[in-house]
Amino acid sequence: MYTELLLAMQDAELKAWEALSGYKFWMYGYHAGRWINYNNLLPRPTRQPNPFSDAVKLARMKRDELDGKREATP
C-alpha cells in the first residue's frame, strides 16, 4: 500500500506540473490537491515535503507586489 501511495503521489505531481505548464490552472489545482491528500494518508514520519511550496511562495510574493502597487496608486 505504501508503494502504491508513493506511485500515486509521483503521478499526481507530474500531472500537476504538466497542467500548470500548459496553462490548465484548474487541473493543476486538482492534481496538486490529489498529491496533498495522498501525502496526508502516509504515516507522519514518512510524509513528504510539499513540492508545490515554491509555487505558493511565488504566488504570495506576486500578490504582495501587486497589493503594494494598488496601495501606491492615487
N, C-alpha and C. Protein backbone atom coordinates (compact mmCIF):
# COMPACT_ATOMS: atom_id res chain seq x y z
N MET A 1 0.83 -1.20 0.00
CA MET A 1 0.00 0.00 0.00
C MET A 1 0.87 1.26 0.00
N TYR A 2 1.94 1.23 0.79
CA TYR A 2 2.84 2.38 0.86
C TYR A 2 3.43 2.70 -0.51
N THR A 3 3.87 1.68 -1.23
CA THR A 3 4.45 1.86 -2.56
C THR A 3 3.41 2.42 -3.53
N GLU A 4 2.19 1.94 -3.43
CA GLU A 4 1.12 2.43 -4.30
C GLU A 4 0.84 3.91 -4.05
N LEU A 5 0.86 4.31 -2.80
CA LEU A 5 0.67 5.73 -2.47
C LEU A 5 1.79 6.58 -3.05
N LEU A 6 3.01 6.13 -2.92
CA LEU A 6 4.13 6.89 -3.46
C LEU A 6 4.05 7.01 -4.98
N LEU A 7 3.65 5.94 -5.64
CA LEU A 7 3.48 5.99 -7.10
C LEU A 7 2.35 6.94 -7.48
N ALA A 8 1.26 6.92 -6.73
CA ALA A 8 0.14 7.83 -6.99
C ALA A 8 0.57 9.29 -6.76
N MET A 9 1.42 9.50 -5.76
CA MET A 9 1.92 10.85 -5.50
C MET A 9 2.81 11.34 -6.64
N GLN A 10 3.67 10.46 -7.14
CA GLN A 10 4.51 10.83 -8.28
C GLN A 10 3.67 11.18 -9.49
N ASP A 11 2.64 10.40 -9.75
CA ASP A 11 1.75 10.65 -10.88
C ASP A 11 1.03 11.98 -10.70
N ALA A 12 0.51 12.24 -9.51
CA ALA A 12 -0.21 13.48 -9.25
C ALA A 12 0.71 14.70 -9.40
N GLU A 13 1.94 14.59 -8.90
CA GLU A 13 2.87 15.72 -9.01
C GLU A 13 3.21 16.00 -10.48
N LEU A 14 3.51 14.95 -11.24
CA LEU A 14 3.84 15.13 -12.65
C LEU A 14 2.67 15.77 -13.40
N LYS A 15 1.48 15.26 -13.18
CA LYS A 15 0.31 15.80 -13.87
C LYS A 15 0.02 17.24 -13.44
N ALA A 16 0.29 17.57 -12.18
CA ALA A 16 0.09 18.95 -11.72
C ALA A 16 1.03 19.90 -12.46
N TRP A 17 2.30 19.54 -12.53
CA TRP A 17 3.26 20.42 -13.21
C TRP A 17 2.97 20.49 -14.71
N GLU A 18 2.57 19.38 -15.30
CA GLU A 18 2.20 19.40 -16.72
C GLU A 18 1.01 20.33 -16.96
N ALA A 19 0.02 20.27 -16.08
CA ALA A 19 -1.15 21.12 -16.22
C ALA A 19 -0.78 22.59 -16.08
N LEU A 20 0.03 22.91 -15.09
CA LEU A 20 0.43 24.31 -14.89
C LEU A 20 1.24 24.82 -16.07
N SER A 21 2.12 23.99 -16.60
CA SER A 21 2.94 24.41 -17.73
C SER A 21 2.10 24.60 -18.99
N GLY A 22 0.92 24.00 -19.01
CA GLY A 22 0.02 24.15 -20.15
C GLY A 22 -1.10 25.16 -19.91
N TYR A 23 -0.95 25.99 -18.89
CA TYR A 23 -1.96 27.00 -18.54
C TYR A 23 -3.31 26.38 -18.18
N LYS A 24 -3.29 25.16 -17.68
CA LYS A 24 -4.53 24.50 -17.26
C LYS A 24 -4.60 24.58 -15.73
N PHE A 25 -4.98 25.77 -15.25
CA PHE A 25 -4.90 26.06 -13.83
C PHE A 25 -5.84 25.22 -12.98
N TRP A 26 -7.04 24.94 -13.48
CA TRP A 26 -7.99 24.10 -12.73
C TRP A 26 -7.41 22.71 -12.53
N MET A 27 -6.82 22.17 -13.57
CA MET A 27 -6.27 20.82 -13.47
C MET A 27 -5.03 20.80 -12.58
N TYR A 28 -4.27 21.89 -12.59
CA TYR A 28 -3.12 21.99 -11.67
C TYR A 28 -3.63 21.85 -10.24
N GLY A 29 -4.66 22.60 -9.91
CA GLY A 29 -5.21 22.54 -8.55
C GLY A 29 -5.74 21.16 -8.20
N TYR A 30 -6.38 20.54 -9.16
CA TYR A 30 -6.91 19.19 -8.93
C TYR A 30 -5.79 18.21 -8.61
N HIS A 31 -4.76 18.18 -9.44
CA HIS A 31 -3.68 17.22 -9.24
C HIS A 31 -2.82 17.57 -8.03
N ALA A 32 -2.61 18.84 -7.77
CA ALA A 32 -1.87 19.23 -6.56
C ALA A 32 -2.65 18.81 -5.32
N GLY A 33 -3.96 18.97 -5.37
CA GLY A 33 -4.81 18.52 -4.26
C GLY A 33 -4.75 17.01 -4.06
N ARG A 34 -4.68 16.26 -5.17
CA ARG A 34 -4.50 14.81 -5.07
C ARG A 34 -3.23 14.49 -4.32
N TRP A 35 -2.15 15.19 -4.69
CA TRP A 35 -0.86 14.93 -4.04
C TRP A 35 -0.96 15.18 -2.54
N ILE A 36 -1.59 16.30 -2.16
CA ILE A 36 -1.74 16.64 -0.74
C ILE A 36 -2.54 15.55 -0.01
N ASN A 37 -3.63 15.11 -0.62
CA ASN A 37 -4.45 14.07 0.02
C ASN A 37 -3.67 12.77 0.19
N TYR A 38 -2.93 12.37 -0.82
CA TYR A 38 -2.12 11.15 -0.71
C TYR A 38 -1.06 11.30 0.38
N ASN A 39 -0.45 12.45 0.44
CA ASN A 39 0.59 12.69 1.45
C ASN A 39 0.00 12.60 2.86
N ASN A 40 -1.23 13.08 3.03
CA ASN A 40 -1.87 13.01 4.33
C ASN A 40 -2.22 11.57 4.73
N LEU A 41 -2.28 10.67 3.79
CA LEU A 41 -2.55 9.26 4.10
C LEU A 41 -1.31 8.53 4.60
N LEU A 42 -0.14 9.10 4.36
CA LEU A 42 1.10 8.47 4.83
C LEU A 42 1.25 8.67 6.33
N PRO A 43 1.92 7.73 7.00
CA PRO A 43 2.21 7.94 8.42
C PRO A 43 3.08 9.18 8.61
N ARG A 44 2.90 9.88 9.70
CA ARG A 44 3.58 11.17 9.93
C ARG A 44 5.09 11.16 9.65
N PRO A 45 5.83 10.20 10.15
CA PRO A 45 7.29 10.31 9.93
C PRO A 45 7.70 10.14 8.47
N THR A 46 6.83 9.61 7.63
CA THR A 46 7.21 9.37 6.23
C THR A 46 6.59 10.37 5.26
N ARG A 47 5.86 11.35 5.77
CA ARG A 47 5.26 12.34 4.88
C ARG A 47 6.34 13.12 4.13
N GLN A 48 6.04 13.48 2.91
CA GLN A 48 6.98 14.15 2.02
C GLN A 48 6.82 15.66 2.11
N PRO A 49 7.89 16.42 1.88
CA PRO A 49 7.75 17.88 1.81
C PRO A 49 6.93 18.26 0.58
N ASN A 50 6.16 19.30 0.69
CA ASN A 50 5.27 19.74 -0.38
C ASN A 50 6.08 20.24 -1.58
N PRO A 51 5.94 19.59 -2.76
CA PRO A 51 6.70 20.02 -3.93
C PRO A 51 6.17 21.32 -4.55
N PHE A 52 5.03 21.78 -4.06
CA PHE A 52 4.40 22.98 -4.62
C PHE A 52 4.64 24.22 -3.76
N SER A 53 5.45 24.09 -2.72
CA SER A 53 5.67 25.22 -1.80
C SER A 53 6.37 26.39 -2.49
N ASP A 54 7.26 26.12 -3.44
CA ASP A 54 7.90 27.22 -4.17
C ASP A 54 6.88 27.99 -5.01
N ALA A 55 5.93 27.29 -5.60
CA ALA A 55 4.88 27.95 -6.38
C ALA A 55 4.02 28.82 -5.47
N VAL A 56 3.74 28.34 -4.27
CA VAL A 56 2.95 29.11 -3.31
C VAL A 56 3.72 30.36 -2.88
N LYS A 57 5.01 30.21 -2.62
CA LYS A 57 5.83 31.37 -2.23
C LYS A 57 5.87 32.41 -3.35
N LEU A 58 6.01 31.96 -4.60
CA LEU A 58 6.00 32.88 -5.73
C LEU A 58 4.66 33.61 -5.82
N ALA A 59 3.56 32.87 -5.65
CA ALA A 59 2.23 33.48 -5.71
C ALA A 59 2.05 34.52 -4.61
N ARG A 60 2.51 34.23 -3.42
CA ARG A 60 2.40 35.20 -2.31
C ARG A 60 3.24 36.44 -2.57
N MET A 61 4.43 36.22 -3.14
CA MET A 61 5.30 37.35 -3.45
C MET A 61 4.65 38.25 -4.50
N LYS A 62 4.08 37.65 -5.55
CA LYS A 62 3.40 38.41 -6.59
C LYS A 62 2.18 39.13 -6.03
N ARG A 63 1.41 38.46 -5.19
CA ARG A 63 0.24 39.07 -4.57
C ARG A 63 0.65 40.31 -3.76
N ASP A 64 1.69 40.17 -2.95
CA ASP A 64 2.15 41.29 -2.13
C ASP A 64 2.67 42.43 -3.00
N GLU A 65 3.36 42.07 -4.08
CA GLU A 65 3.88 43.08 -5.01
C GLU A 65 2.73 43.86 -5.65
N LEU A 66 1.72 43.17 -6.11
CA LEU A 66 0.58 43.83 -6.74
C LEU A 66 -0.25 44.61 -5.72
N ASP A 67 -0.37 44.10 -4.52
CA ASP A 67 -1.09 44.81 -3.47
C ASP A 67 -0.39 46.11 -3.11
N GLY A 68 0.95 46.08 -3.12
CA GLY A 68 1.71 47.29 -2.84
C GLY A 68 1.54 48.33 -3.92
N LYS A 69 1.46 47.91 -5.17
CA LYS A 69 1.22 48.83 -6.28
C LYS A 69 -0.17 49.45 -6.18
N ARG A 70 -1.13 48.65 -5.77
CA ARG A 70 -2.51 49.14 -5.68
C ARG A 70 -2.60 50.22 -4.60
N GLU A 71 -1.91 50.02 -3.47
CA GLU A 71 -1.94 51.00 -2.38
C GLU A 71 -1.21 52.28 -2.77
N ALA A 72 -0.19 52.17 -3.63
CA ALA A 72 0.60 53.35 -4.01
C ALA A 72 -0.10 54.18 -5.07
N THR A 73 -1.09 53.61 -5.77
CA THR A 73 -1.79 54.33 -6.83
C THR A 73 -2.74 55.36 -6.22
N PRO A 74 -2.64 56.62 -6.68
CA PRO A 74 -3.52 57.66 -6.09
C PRO A 74 -4.96 57.50 -6.48
